[in-house]
N, C-alpha and C. Protein backbone atom coordinates (compact mmCIF):
# COMPACT_ATOMS: atom_id res chain seq x y z
N MET A 1 25.21 45.06 -35.46
CA MET A 1 26.05 46.02 -36.18
C MET A 1 25.16 47.01 -36.95
N ALA A 2 25.50 48.27 -36.89
CA ALA A 2 24.70 49.29 -37.56
C ALA A 2 24.85 49.17 -39.07
N PRO A 3 23.80 49.53 -39.83
CA PRO A 3 23.88 49.48 -41.29
C PRO A 3 25.00 50.40 -41.81
N VAL A 4 25.64 49.97 -42.88
CA VAL A 4 26.65 50.79 -43.54
C VAL A 4 25.97 52.03 -44.13
N ARG A 5 26.61 53.17 -43.97
CA ARG A 5 26.04 54.43 -44.41
C ARG A 5 26.51 54.75 -45.84
N ILE A 6 25.54 54.85 -46.75
CA ILE A 6 25.82 55.04 -48.17
C ILE A 6 25.55 56.49 -48.56
N GLY A 7 26.50 57.06 -49.29
CA GLY A 7 26.30 58.35 -49.94
C GLY A 7 26.23 58.14 -51.43
N VAL A 8 25.22 58.71 -52.08
CA VAL A 8 25.03 58.53 -53.52
C VAL A 8 25.29 59.84 -54.24
N LEU A 9 26.10 59.77 -55.31
CA LEU A 9 26.31 60.91 -56.19
C LEU A 9 25.63 60.62 -57.51
N ALA A 10 24.84 61.55 -58.02
CA ALA A 10 24.09 61.34 -59.25
C ALA A 10 23.97 62.66 -60.00
N SER A 11 23.90 62.57 -61.32
CA SER A 11 23.78 63.79 -62.14
C SER A 11 22.42 63.93 -62.80
N GLY A 12 21.64 62.87 -62.84
CA GLY A 12 20.40 62.90 -63.62
C GLY A 12 19.16 62.61 -62.82
N GLY A 13 18.26 61.87 -63.45
CA GLY A 13 16.96 61.62 -62.85
C GLY A 13 16.97 60.71 -61.65
N GLY A 14 18.01 59.91 -61.54
CA GLY A 14 18.15 59.10 -60.34
C GLY A 14 17.39 57.79 -60.34
N SER A 15 17.22 57.17 -61.52
CA SER A 15 16.51 55.90 -61.52
C SER A 15 17.29 54.81 -60.79
N ASN A 16 18.62 54.84 -60.90
CA ASN A 16 19.42 53.87 -60.13
C ASN A 16 19.36 54.17 -58.64
N LEU A 17 19.30 55.43 -58.29
CA LEU A 17 19.07 55.79 -56.89
C LEU A 17 17.74 55.22 -56.42
N GLY A 18 16.72 55.35 -57.26
CA GLY A 18 15.41 54.79 -56.92
C GLY A 18 15.47 53.29 -56.67
N ALA A 19 16.26 52.59 -57.50
CA ALA A 19 16.42 51.15 -57.32
C ALA A 19 17.11 50.84 -56.00
N LEU A 20 18.12 51.64 -55.65
CA LEU A 20 18.81 51.45 -54.38
C LEU A 20 17.87 51.70 -53.20
N LEU A 21 17.11 52.77 -53.29
CA LEU A 21 16.21 53.10 -52.19
C LEU A 21 15.15 52.02 -52.00
N ALA A 22 14.61 51.50 -53.10
CA ALA A 22 13.60 50.44 -53.00
C ALA A 22 14.20 49.17 -52.41
N TYR A 23 15.40 48.84 -52.84
CA TYR A 23 16.06 47.62 -52.38
C TYR A 23 16.36 47.70 -50.88
N PHE A 24 16.94 48.82 -50.46
CA PHE A 24 17.35 48.92 -49.06
C PHE A 24 16.21 49.35 -48.14
N ALA A 25 15.02 49.52 -48.70
CA ALA A 25 13.84 49.73 -47.87
C ALA A 25 13.31 48.40 -47.34
N GLN A 26 13.72 47.30 -47.96
CA GLN A 26 13.29 45.97 -47.50
C GLN A 26 14.07 45.61 -46.23
N PRO A 27 13.37 45.14 -45.22
CA PRO A 27 14.02 44.93 -43.91
C PRO A 27 15.28 44.10 -43.94
N GLU A 28 15.30 43.03 -44.75
CA GLU A 28 16.47 42.16 -44.76
C GLU A 28 17.69 42.85 -45.36
N HIS A 29 17.46 43.85 -46.22
CA HIS A 29 18.56 44.59 -46.81
C HIS A 29 18.87 45.85 -46.02
N ALA A 30 17.84 46.43 -45.40
CA ALA A 30 18.03 47.65 -44.60
C ALA A 30 18.97 47.40 -43.44
N ALA A 31 19.04 46.16 -42.98
CA ALA A 31 19.93 45.85 -41.87
C ALA A 31 21.40 45.90 -42.29
N VAL A 32 21.65 45.82 -43.62
CA VAL A 32 23.02 45.82 -44.13
C VAL A 32 23.50 47.23 -44.43
N ALA A 33 22.65 48.02 -45.10
CA ALA A 33 23.08 49.35 -45.53
C ALA A 33 21.89 50.26 -45.72
N GLN A 34 22.15 51.56 -45.65
CA GLN A 34 21.12 52.58 -45.84
C GLN A 34 21.71 53.78 -46.58
N VAL A 35 20.93 54.36 -47.49
CA VAL A 35 21.33 55.60 -48.14
C VAL A 35 21.06 56.74 -47.17
N VAL A 36 22.10 57.50 -46.82
CA VAL A 36 21.94 58.55 -45.81
C VAL A 36 22.10 59.95 -46.39
N MET A 37 22.56 60.05 -47.65
CA MET A 37 22.65 61.35 -48.30
C MET A 37 22.78 61.16 -49.80
N VAL A 38 22.34 62.20 -50.53
CA VAL A 38 22.45 62.22 -51.99
C VAL A 38 22.99 63.58 -52.39
N ALA A 39 23.90 63.59 -53.36
CA ALA A 39 24.44 64.86 -53.85
C ALA A 39 24.52 64.82 -55.37
N SER A 40 24.41 65.99 -55.97
CA SER A 40 24.46 66.09 -57.43
C SER A 40 25.19 67.35 -57.85
N ASP A 41 25.82 67.28 -59.02
CA ASP A 41 26.44 68.47 -59.60
C ASP A 41 25.43 69.36 -60.28
N ARG A 42 24.17 68.92 -60.35
CA ARG A 42 23.10 69.70 -60.98
C ARG A 42 22.00 69.98 -59.98
N ALA A 43 21.68 71.25 -59.82
CA ALA A 43 20.65 71.63 -58.85
C ALA A 43 19.27 71.11 -59.25
N ASP A 44 19.06 70.88 -60.56
CA ASP A 44 17.76 70.42 -61.03
C ASP A 44 17.69 68.91 -61.24
N ALA A 45 18.67 68.19 -60.73
CA ALA A 45 18.69 66.73 -60.92
C ALA A 45 17.51 66.07 -60.23
N GLY A 46 16.88 65.17 -60.96
CA GLY A 46 15.76 64.44 -60.39
C GLY A 46 16.15 63.60 -59.20
N ALA A 47 17.41 63.19 -59.15
CA ALA A 47 17.89 62.40 -58.02
C ALA A 47 17.70 63.15 -56.70
N LEU A 48 17.90 64.46 -56.73
CA LEU A 48 17.72 65.25 -55.51
C LEU A 48 16.26 65.24 -55.07
N ASP A 49 15.35 65.32 -56.05
CA ASP A 49 13.92 65.26 -55.72
C ASP A 49 13.56 63.91 -55.11
N ARG A 50 14.14 62.84 -55.66
CA ARG A 50 13.88 61.51 -55.10
C ARG A 50 14.33 61.44 -53.64
N ALA A 51 15.50 62.02 -53.38
CA ALA A 51 16.01 62.00 -52.00
C ALA A 51 15.09 62.79 -51.08
N ARG A 52 14.73 63.99 -51.50
CA ARG A 52 13.88 64.84 -50.65
C ARG A 52 12.54 64.17 -50.37
N ALA A 53 12.02 63.44 -51.35
CA ALA A 53 10.73 62.75 -51.16
C ALA A 53 10.83 61.69 -50.08
N ARG A 54 12.05 61.20 -49.81
CA ARG A 54 12.28 60.19 -48.77
C ARG A 54 12.86 60.82 -47.50
N ASP A 55 12.90 62.15 -47.45
CA ASP A 55 13.49 62.86 -46.31
C ASP A 55 14.95 62.50 -46.11
N ILE A 56 15.65 62.26 -47.23
CA ILE A 56 17.08 62.01 -47.20
C ILE A 56 17.80 63.30 -47.55
N PRO A 57 18.80 63.72 -46.80
CA PRO A 57 19.51 64.96 -47.10
C PRO A 57 20.00 65.00 -48.54
N ALA A 58 19.72 66.12 -49.21
CA ALA A 58 20.07 66.29 -50.63
C ALA A 58 20.92 67.54 -50.78
N HIS A 59 22.03 67.41 -51.48
CA HIS A 59 22.98 68.51 -51.59
C HIS A 59 23.38 68.75 -53.04
N VAL A 60 23.68 69.99 -53.36
CA VAL A 60 24.21 70.35 -54.67
C VAL A 60 25.73 70.52 -54.54
N ILE A 61 26.45 69.87 -55.44
CA ILE A 61 27.91 70.01 -55.48
C ILE A 61 28.23 71.15 -56.43
N ASN A 62 28.52 72.30 -55.89
CA ASN A 62 28.72 73.49 -56.72
C ASN A 62 30.06 73.48 -57.46
N ALA A 63 31.04 72.79 -56.92
CA ALA A 63 32.36 72.72 -57.54
C ALA A 63 32.81 71.26 -57.59
N PRO A 64 32.43 70.52 -58.65
CA PRO A 64 32.73 69.09 -58.72
C PRO A 64 34.21 68.75 -58.69
N ALA A 65 35.07 69.71 -59.00
CA ALA A 65 36.52 69.46 -58.96
C ALA A 65 37.12 69.73 -57.59
N ASP A 66 36.33 70.24 -56.66
CA ASP A 66 36.81 70.57 -55.32
C ASP A 66 36.73 69.34 -54.43
N GLY A 67 37.78 68.55 -54.44
CA GLY A 67 37.78 67.31 -53.68
C GLY A 67 37.64 67.51 -52.19
N ASP A 68 38.24 68.56 -51.68
CA ASP A 68 38.15 68.82 -50.24
C ASP A 68 36.70 69.04 -49.82
N ALA A 69 35.96 69.78 -50.64
CA ALA A 69 34.55 70.06 -50.31
C ALA A 69 33.72 68.79 -50.36
N ILE A 70 33.97 67.96 -51.35
CA ILE A 70 33.21 66.72 -51.47
C ILE A 70 33.54 65.79 -50.30
N CYS A 71 34.82 65.68 -49.97
CA CYS A 71 35.21 64.88 -48.81
C CYS A 71 34.52 65.37 -47.55
N ALA A 72 34.50 66.68 -47.36
CA ALA A 72 33.88 67.24 -46.17
C ALA A 72 32.39 66.93 -46.13
N LEU A 73 31.74 67.00 -47.30
CA LEU A 73 30.31 66.71 -47.36
C LEU A 73 30.04 65.26 -46.99
N LEU A 74 30.79 64.35 -47.57
CA LEU A 74 30.60 62.93 -47.27
C LEU A 74 30.88 62.63 -45.80
N LYS A 75 31.94 63.22 -45.28
CA LYS A 75 32.30 62.97 -43.88
C LYS A 75 31.26 63.56 -42.93
N SER A 76 30.62 64.65 -43.34
CA SER A 76 29.61 65.27 -42.47
C SER A 76 28.41 64.35 -42.24
N HIS A 77 28.23 63.39 -43.16
CA HIS A 77 27.15 62.40 -43.01
C HIS A 77 27.69 61.03 -42.61
N ASN A 78 28.97 60.97 -42.23
CA ASN A 78 29.59 59.72 -41.82
C ASN A 78 29.42 58.62 -42.87
N VAL A 79 29.59 59.01 -44.13
CA VAL A 79 29.44 58.06 -45.23
C VAL A 79 30.65 57.12 -45.26
N SER A 80 30.38 55.82 -45.32
CA SER A 80 31.48 54.86 -45.40
C SER A 80 31.52 54.13 -46.74
N LEU A 81 30.47 54.27 -47.55
CA LEU A 81 30.43 53.65 -48.88
C LEU A 81 29.80 54.65 -49.84
N VAL A 82 30.51 54.96 -50.93
CA VAL A 82 30.03 55.95 -51.91
C VAL A 82 29.60 55.21 -53.18
N VAL A 83 28.44 55.58 -53.69
CA VAL A 83 27.94 54.97 -54.92
C VAL A 83 27.69 56.07 -55.95
N LEU A 84 28.32 55.92 -57.11
CA LEU A 84 28.08 56.83 -58.23
C LEU A 84 26.97 56.21 -59.08
N ALA A 85 25.83 56.83 -59.08
CA ALA A 85 24.66 56.30 -59.79
C ALA A 85 24.27 57.29 -60.88
N GLY A 86 25.00 57.21 -62.00
CA GLY A 86 24.77 58.18 -63.06
C GLY A 86 25.41 59.51 -62.78
N TYR A 87 26.55 59.49 -62.10
CA TYR A 87 27.30 60.71 -61.82
C TYR A 87 28.32 60.89 -62.94
N LEU A 88 28.26 62.02 -63.64
CA LEU A 88 29.01 62.18 -64.88
C LEU A 88 30.34 62.93 -64.73
N LYS A 89 30.62 63.40 -63.54
CA LYS A 89 31.87 64.12 -63.33
C LYS A 89 32.97 63.18 -62.85
N LEU A 90 34.21 63.51 -63.17
CA LEU A 90 35.34 62.75 -62.66
C LEU A 90 35.50 63.05 -61.18
N VAL A 91 35.53 62.01 -60.37
CA VAL A 91 35.67 62.20 -58.93
C VAL A 91 37.11 62.60 -58.62
N PRO A 92 37.32 63.69 -57.89
CA PRO A 92 38.68 64.13 -57.58
C PRO A 92 39.49 63.06 -56.87
N ALA A 93 40.79 63.07 -57.11
CA ALA A 93 41.67 62.03 -56.59
C ALA A 93 41.60 61.91 -55.07
N GLN A 94 41.51 63.05 -54.38
CA GLN A 94 41.51 62.97 -52.92
C GLN A 94 40.25 62.29 -52.38
N VAL A 95 39.15 62.36 -53.14
CA VAL A 95 37.93 61.66 -52.72
C VAL A 95 38.12 60.16 -52.93
N VAL A 96 38.67 59.79 -54.08
CA VAL A 96 38.94 58.37 -54.34
C VAL A 96 39.85 57.79 -53.26
N ARG A 97 40.89 58.54 -52.93
CA ARG A 97 41.83 58.06 -51.90
C ARG A 97 41.19 57.99 -50.52
N GLY A 98 40.19 58.83 -50.30
CA GLY A 98 39.53 58.86 -49.00
C GLY A 98 38.61 57.67 -48.75
N TRP A 99 38.15 57.02 -49.83
CA TRP A 99 37.25 55.86 -49.71
C TRP A 99 37.79 54.69 -50.53
N PRO A 100 39.00 54.24 -50.24
CA PRO A 100 39.60 53.16 -51.04
C PRO A 100 38.81 51.86 -50.91
N GLY A 101 38.45 51.31 -52.05
CA GLY A 101 37.66 50.08 -52.03
C GLY A 101 36.27 50.26 -51.50
N ARG A 102 35.85 51.51 -51.34
CA ARG A 102 34.51 51.81 -50.77
C ARG A 102 33.78 52.81 -51.67
N MET A 103 34.10 52.78 -52.96
CA MET A 103 33.42 53.66 -53.91
C MET A 103 33.12 52.85 -55.17
N LEU A 104 31.85 52.82 -55.56
CA LEU A 104 31.40 52.02 -56.70
C LEU A 104 30.75 52.90 -57.76
N ASN A 105 30.88 52.48 -59.01
CA ASN A 105 30.23 53.16 -60.12
C ASN A 105 29.51 52.12 -60.97
N VAL A 106 28.37 52.52 -61.53
CA VAL A 106 27.66 51.67 -62.48
C VAL A 106 27.80 52.27 -63.87
N HIS A 107 28.16 51.42 -64.84
CA HIS A 107 28.39 51.88 -66.22
C HIS A 107 27.57 51.02 -67.17
N PRO A 108 26.93 51.64 -68.18
CA PRO A 108 26.00 50.90 -69.04
C PRO A 108 26.66 50.19 -70.22
N SER A 109 27.73 49.46 -69.97
CA SER A 109 28.32 48.59 -70.98
C SER A 109 29.16 47.55 -70.26
N LEU A 110 29.66 46.60 -71.02
CA LEU A 110 30.56 45.61 -70.45
C LEU A 110 31.99 46.13 -70.59
N LEU A 111 32.44 46.83 -69.57
CA LEU A 111 33.79 47.39 -69.61
C LEU A 111 34.81 46.26 -69.74
N PRO A 112 35.93 46.52 -70.43
CA PRO A 112 36.42 47.83 -70.88
C PRO A 112 35.82 48.35 -72.18
N ALA A 113 34.91 47.61 -72.79
CA ALA A 113 34.29 48.07 -74.03
C ALA A 113 33.37 49.26 -73.76
N PHE A 114 33.42 50.25 -74.64
CA PHE A 114 32.51 51.39 -74.61
C PHE A 114 32.56 52.16 -73.29
N GLY A 115 33.78 52.38 -72.81
CA GLY A 115 33.96 53.18 -71.61
C GLY A 115 34.92 54.31 -71.84
N GLY A 116 35.14 55.12 -70.81
CA GLY A 116 36.09 56.21 -70.89
C GLY A 116 35.43 57.57 -70.95
N PRO A 117 36.22 58.63 -71.03
CA PRO A 117 35.66 59.99 -71.05
C PRO A 117 34.65 60.19 -72.17
N GLY A 118 33.54 60.78 -71.84
CA GLY A 118 32.51 61.08 -72.84
C GLY A 118 31.60 59.93 -73.16
N MET A 119 31.87 58.75 -72.63
CA MET A 119 31.04 57.58 -72.91
C MET A 119 30.06 57.39 -71.76
N TYR A 120 28.88 57.93 -71.95
CA TYR A 120 27.84 57.80 -70.93
C TYR A 120 26.48 57.84 -71.62
N GLY A 121 25.49 57.30 -70.94
CA GLY A 121 24.11 57.36 -71.40
C GLY A 121 23.93 56.91 -72.84
N GLY A 122 23.19 57.72 -73.58
CA GLY A 122 22.86 57.39 -74.95
C GLY A 122 24.06 57.24 -75.86
N ARG A 123 25.15 57.91 -75.52
CA ARG A 123 26.36 57.79 -76.35
C ARG A 123 26.88 56.35 -76.35
N VAL A 124 26.80 55.71 -75.20
CA VAL A 124 27.27 54.33 -75.10
C VAL A 124 26.43 53.43 -75.99
N HIS A 125 25.12 53.57 -75.89
CA HIS A 125 24.24 52.67 -76.63
C HIS A 125 24.30 52.93 -78.13
N ALA A 126 24.46 54.18 -78.52
CA ALA A 126 24.63 54.49 -79.94
C ALA A 126 25.92 53.87 -80.47
N ALA A 127 26.97 53.89 -79.66
CA ALA A 127 28.24 53.28 -80.07
C ALA A 127 28.10 51.77 -80.19
N VAL A 128 27.35 51.16 -79.30
CA VAL A 128 27.11 49.72 -79.36
C VAL A 128 26.40 49.35 -80.66
N ILE A 129 25.36 50.11 -81.01
CA ILE A 129 24.63 49.86 -82.26
C ILE A 129 25.54 50.06 -83.46
N ALA A 130 26.32 51.13 -83.44
CA ALA A 130 27.21 51.43 -84.57
C ALA A 130 28.26 50.34 -84.75
N ALA A 131 28.69 49.73 -83.65
CA ALA A 131 29.72 48.70 -83.72
C ALA A 131 29.17 47.35 -84.17
N GLY A 132 27.87 47.20 -84.12
CA GLY A 132 27.25 45.96 -84.57
C GLY A 132 27.44 44.79 -83.64
N VAL A 133 27.76 45.04 -82.38
CA VAL A 133 27.95 43.94 -81.43
C VAL A 133 26.59 43.38 -81.02
N ARG A 134 26.57 42.15 -80.58
CA ARG A 134 25.32 41.48 -80.24
C ARG A 134 25.17 41.24 -78.74
N THR A 135 26.10 41.75 -77.96
CA THR A 135 25.98 41.68 -76.50
C THR A 135 26.48 42.98 -75.90
N SER A 136 25.68 43.54 -75.01
CA SER A 136 26.12 44.68 -74.21
C SER A 136 25.82 44.32 -72.76
N GLY A 137 25.66 45.30 -71.91
CA GLY A 137 25.37 44.96 -70.53
C GLY A 137 25.71 46.05 -69.55
N VAL A 138 25.95 45.63 -68.33
CA VAL A 138 26.17 46.54 -67.21
C VAL A 138 27.44 46.12 -66.48
N THR A 139 28.21 47.10 -66.06
CA THR A 139 29.37 46.85 -65.21
C THR A 139 29.24 47.68 -63.94
N VAL A 140 29.45 47.06 -62.80
CA VAL A 140 29.64 47.79 -61.55
C VAL A 140 31.11 47.60 -61.16
N HIS A 141 31.80 48.71 -60.98
CA HIS A 141 33.24 48.62 -60.71
C HIS A 141 33.64 49.55 -59.57
N PHE A 142 34.75 49.22 -58.96
CA PHE A 142 35.33 50.10 -57.96
C PHE A 142 35.93 51.30 -58.68
N VAL A 143 35.86 52.44 -58.06
CA VAL A 143 36.29 53.69 -58.68
C VAL A 143 37.76 53.96 -58.37
N ASP A 144 38.51 54.29 -59.44
CA ASP A 144 39.86 54.82 -59.23
C ASP A 144 39.92 56.21 -59.86
N GLU A 145 41.10 56.68 -60.20
CA GLU A 145 41.24 58.08 -60.61
C GLU A 145 41.06 58.29 -62.11
N VAL A 146 40.68 57.23 -62.85
CA VAL A 146 40.47 57.33 -64.29
C VAL A 146 39.05 56.87 -64.62
N PHE A 147 38.37 57.56 -65.54
CA PHE A 147 37.02 57.18 -65.92
C PHE A 147 36.95 55.70 -66.30
N ASP A 148 36.08 54.96 -65.63
CA ASP A 148 35.68 53.60 -66.04
C ASP A 148 36.82 52.59 -66.06
N ARG A 149 37.88 52.82 -65.28
CA ARG A 149 39.03 51.93 -65.32
C ARG A 149 39.13 51.02 -64.11
N GLY A 150 38.46 51.34 -63.02
CA GLY A 150 38.65 50.61 -61.76
C GLY A 150 38.29 49.14 -61.85
N ALA A 151 38.74 48.39 -60.87
CA ALA A 151 38.53 46.94 -60.85
C ALA A 151 37.05 46.60 -60.90
N ILE A 152 36.72 45.61 -61.73
CA ILE A 152 35.33 45.22 -61.94
C ILE A 152 34.83 44.37 -60.78
N ALA A 153 33.70 44.79 -60.21
CA ALA A 153 33.07 44.03 -59.14
C ALA A 153 32.10 42.99 -59.67
N ALA A 154 31.32 43.37 -60.70
CA ALA A 154 30.35 42.43 -61.29
C ALA A 154 29.88 42.98 -62.63
N GLN A 155 29.46 42.06 -63.50
CA GLN A 155 28.90 42.44 -64.78
C GLN A 155 27.66 41.60 -65.07
N GLN A 156 26.76 42.17 -65.86
CA GLN A 156 25.56 41.46 -66.30
C GLN A 156 25.38 41.74 -67.78
N ALA A 157 25.38 40.70 -68.59
CA ALA A 157 25.23 40.86 -70.03
C ALA A 157 23.75 40.94 -70.42
N VAL A 158 23.48 41.69 -71.49
CA VAL A 158 22.15 41.71 -72.10
C VAL A 158 22.32 41.57 -73.61
N PRO A 159 21.35 40.96 -74.27
CA PRO A 159 21.47 40.78 -75.72
C PRO A 159 21.20 42.07 -76.48
N VAL A 160 21.81 42.19 -77.64
CA VAL A 160 21.52 43.27 -78.58
C VAL A 160 21.04 42.60 -79.87
N PHE A 161 19.82 42.91 -80.27
CA PHE A 161 19.24 42.27 -81.45
C PHE A 161 19.43 43.13 -82.69
N GLU A 162 19.39 42.48 -83.84
CA GLU A 162 19.69 43.16 -85.09
C GLU A 162 18.79 44.36 -85.34
N GLN A 163 17.54 44.26 -84.91
CA GLN A 163 16.59 45.34 -85.17
C GLN A 163 16.60 46.42 -84.09
N ASP A 164 17.43 46.28 -83.07
CA ASP A 164 17.43 47.21 -81.95
C ASP A 164 17.87 48.61 -82.35
N THR A 165 17.25 49.59 -81.71
CA THR A 165 17.75 50.96 -81.73
C THR A 165 18.55 51.19 -80.45
N ALA A 166 19.23 52.33 -80.39
CA ALA A 166 19.94 52.67 -79.16
C ALA A 166 18.98 52.75 -77.98
N ALA A 167 17.77 53.22 -78.23
CA ALA A 167 16.77 53.31 -77.16
C ALA A 167 16.37 51.93 -76.65
N ASP A 168 16.28 50.96 -77.55
CA ASP A 168 15.95 49.60 -77.14
C ASP A 168 17.03 49.03 -76.23
N VAL A 169 18.28 49.23 -76.63
CA VAL A 169 19.39 48.74 -75.81
C VAL A 169 19.42 49.46 -74.47
N ALA A 170 19.18 50.77 -74.50
CA ALA A 170 19.19 51.55 -73.26
C ALA A 170 18.18 51.02 -72.26
N ALA A 171 16.98 50.72 -72.73
CA ALA A 171 15.93 50.24 -71.83
C ALA A 171 16.30 48.89 -71.22
N ARG A 172 16.87 48.02 -72.03
CA ARG A 172 17.26 46.69 -71.57
C ARG A 172 18.41 46.78 -70.57
N VAL A 173 19.37 47.63 -70.87
CA VAL A 173 20.52 47.80 -69.98
C VAL A 173 20.10 48.44 -68.66
N LEU A 174 19.21 49.43 -68.72
CA LEU A 174 18.78 50.10 -67.50
C LEU A 174 18.09 49.13 -66.56
N GLN A 175 17.29 48.24 -67.11
CA GLN A 175 16.64 47.22 -66.28
C GLN A 175 17.68 46.36 -65.58
N ALA A 176 18.75 46.01 -66.31
CA ALA A 176 19.82 45.22 -65.71
C ALA A 176 20.56 46.01 -64.64
N GLU A 177 20.77 47.31 -64.88
CA GLU A 177 21.42 48.16 -63.88
C GLU A 177 20.64 48.13 -62.57
N HIS A 178 19.32 48.30 -62.68
CA HIS A 178 18.48 48.36 -61.48
C HIS A 178 18.52 47.06 -60.69
N ALA A 179 18.73 45.94 -61.40
CA ALA A 179 18.81 44.65 -60.71
C ALA A 179 20.18 44.41 -60.10
N LEU A 180 21.24 44.78 -60.84
CA LEU A 180 22.60 44.43 -60.41
C LEU A 180 23.17 45.38 -59.36
N LEU A 181 23.00 46.68 -59.56
CA LEU A 181 23.66 47.64 -58.68
C LEU A 181 23.36 47.44 -57.21
N PRO A 182 22.09 47.32 -56.80
CA PRO A 182 21.84 47.16 -55.36
C PRO A 182 22.50 45.92 -54.77
N ARG A 183 22.53 44.83 -55.54
CA ARG A 183 23.14 43.59 -55.04
C ARG A 183 24.64 43.75 -54.83
N VAL A 184 25.29 44.46 -55.77
CA VAL A 184 26.73 44.67 -55.61
C VAL A 184 27.01 45.60 -54.43
N VAL A 185 26.23 46.65 -54.30
CA VAL A 185 26.40 47.57 -53.18
C VAL A 185 26.24 46.81 -51.86
N GLU A 186 25.23 45.96 -51.78
CA GLU A 186 25.02 45.18 -50.56
C GLU A 186 26.19 44.23 -50.30
N ALA A 187 26.70 43.61 -51.37
CA ALA A 187 27.81 42.66 -51.21
C ALA A 187 29.07 43.37 -50.70
N VAL A 188 29.33 44.57 -51.20
CA VAL A 188 30.49 45.32 -50.73
C VAL A 188 30.25 45.80 -49.30
N ALA A 189 29.06 46.29 -49.03
CA ALA A 189 28.74 46.76 -47.68
C ALA A 189 28.86 45.63 -46.66
N GLY A 190 28.44 44.43 -47.07
CA GLY A 190 28.45 43.30 -46.15
C GLY A 190 29.74 42.51 -46.13
N GLY A 191 30.71 42.91 -46.96
CA GLY A 191 32.01 42.25 -46.96
C GLY A 191 32.10 41.02 -47.83
N GLN A 192 31.05 40.73 -48.65
CA GLN A 192 31.13 39.58 -49.55
C GLN A 192 32.02 39.86 -50.77
N LEU A 193 32.16 41.13 -51.14
CA LEU A 193 33.05 41.55 -52.22
C LEU A 193 34.03 42.57 -51.66
N THR A 194 35.31 42.36 -51.93
CA THR A 194 36.33 43.24 -51.38
C THR A 194 37.39 43.55 -52.43
N LEU A 195 37.80 44.81 -52.49
CA LEU A 195 38.91 45.21 -53.34
C LEU A 195 40.19 45.11 -52.54
N LEU A 196 41.12 44.27 -53.00
CA LEU A 196 42.38 44.10 -52.30
C LEU A 196 43.37 45.20 -52.68
N ALA A 197 44.42 45.33 -51.90
CA ALA A 197 45.39 46.40 -52.14
C ALA A 197 46.09 46.25 -53.49
N ASP A 198 46.19 45.02 -54.00
CA ASP A 198 46.85 44.80 -55.29
C ASP A 198 45.91 44.98 -56.47
N GLY A 199 44.68 45.44 -56.21
CA GLY A 199 43.73 45.70 -57.29
C GLY A 199 42.83 44.55 -57.66
N ARG A 200 43.04 43.40 -57.03
CA ARG A 200 42.17 42.26 -57.30
C ARG A 200 40.90 42.35 -56.45
N VAL A 201 39.81 41.78 -56.99
CA VAL A 201 38.55 41.72 -56.26
C VAL A 201 38.36 40.30 -55.78
N THR A 202 38.07 40.14 -54.50
CA THR A 202 37.86 38.81 -53.93
C THR A 202 36.42 38.69 -53.44
N GLY A 203 35.88 37.47 -53.48
CA GLY A 203 34.52 37.23 -53.06
C GLY A 203 33.60 37.12 -54.25
N GLN A 204 32.31 37.02 -53.96
CA GLN A 204 31.32 36.91 -55.02
C GLN A 204 29.97 37.39 -54.53
N LEU A 205 29.08 37.68 -55.49
CA LEU A 205 27.71 38.03 -55.14
C LEU A 205 26.99 36.79 -54.62
N LEU A 206 26.13 37.00 -53.67
CA LEU A 206 25.31 35.90 -53.18
C LEU A 206 24.26 35.51 -54.21
N SER A 207 23.82 36.46 -55.01
CA SER A 207 22.86 36.18 -56.07
C SER A 207 23.09 37.14 -57.21
N ILE A 208 22.94 36.65 -58.42
CA ILE A 208 23.11 37.47 -59.61
C ILE A 208 21.80 37.48 -60.37
N PRO A 209 21.27 38.63 -60.71
CA PRO A 209 19.98 38.68 -61.40
C PRO A 209 20.06 38.00 -62.76
N SER A 210 18.99 37.34 -63.13
CA SER A 210 18.97 36.65 -64.42
C SER A 210 18.53 37.59 -65.53
């Protein structure tokens, strides 16, 4: 069976994209899935440079609200699984409907805590520190039409210490993102994790990073 074709959407430097590329470069994982295109709403996004360095097609999304254009772009590369890796725009409804149960997002908190519009990057970690909580983490979830609301595929907790700054939490969470996201993507690509029509997630990861 041919590897599942992954399209990645990213808005920033693309460190999670880098983790995906490194993971699926390993032969045992490459047989399951491959990143075949990367797109960004920012022409200067580092994620595009990472893609070009690997000779992976890189595209700029000039109109992030134009669902038809995004659908056409993904279909032009025969993408069957979409991964949002630091993509900050709301994905248009027609794109979500076009890849039901085949679109994943990584979020730097344990959803539903510290999620929703405007909660991304450093804002999330600053909110965690301000709230005084002692556990944060990473969520990988299926994408629906509302920011950070889709069914949760997997989560990984990380500790928050009393002396931590937002930057400390960010570094710890990012490391967890890099470990968890590729495994969840592989599990969905390989059919170990599935989003059912009623919104429930069935299956489990074969391995969860410690």
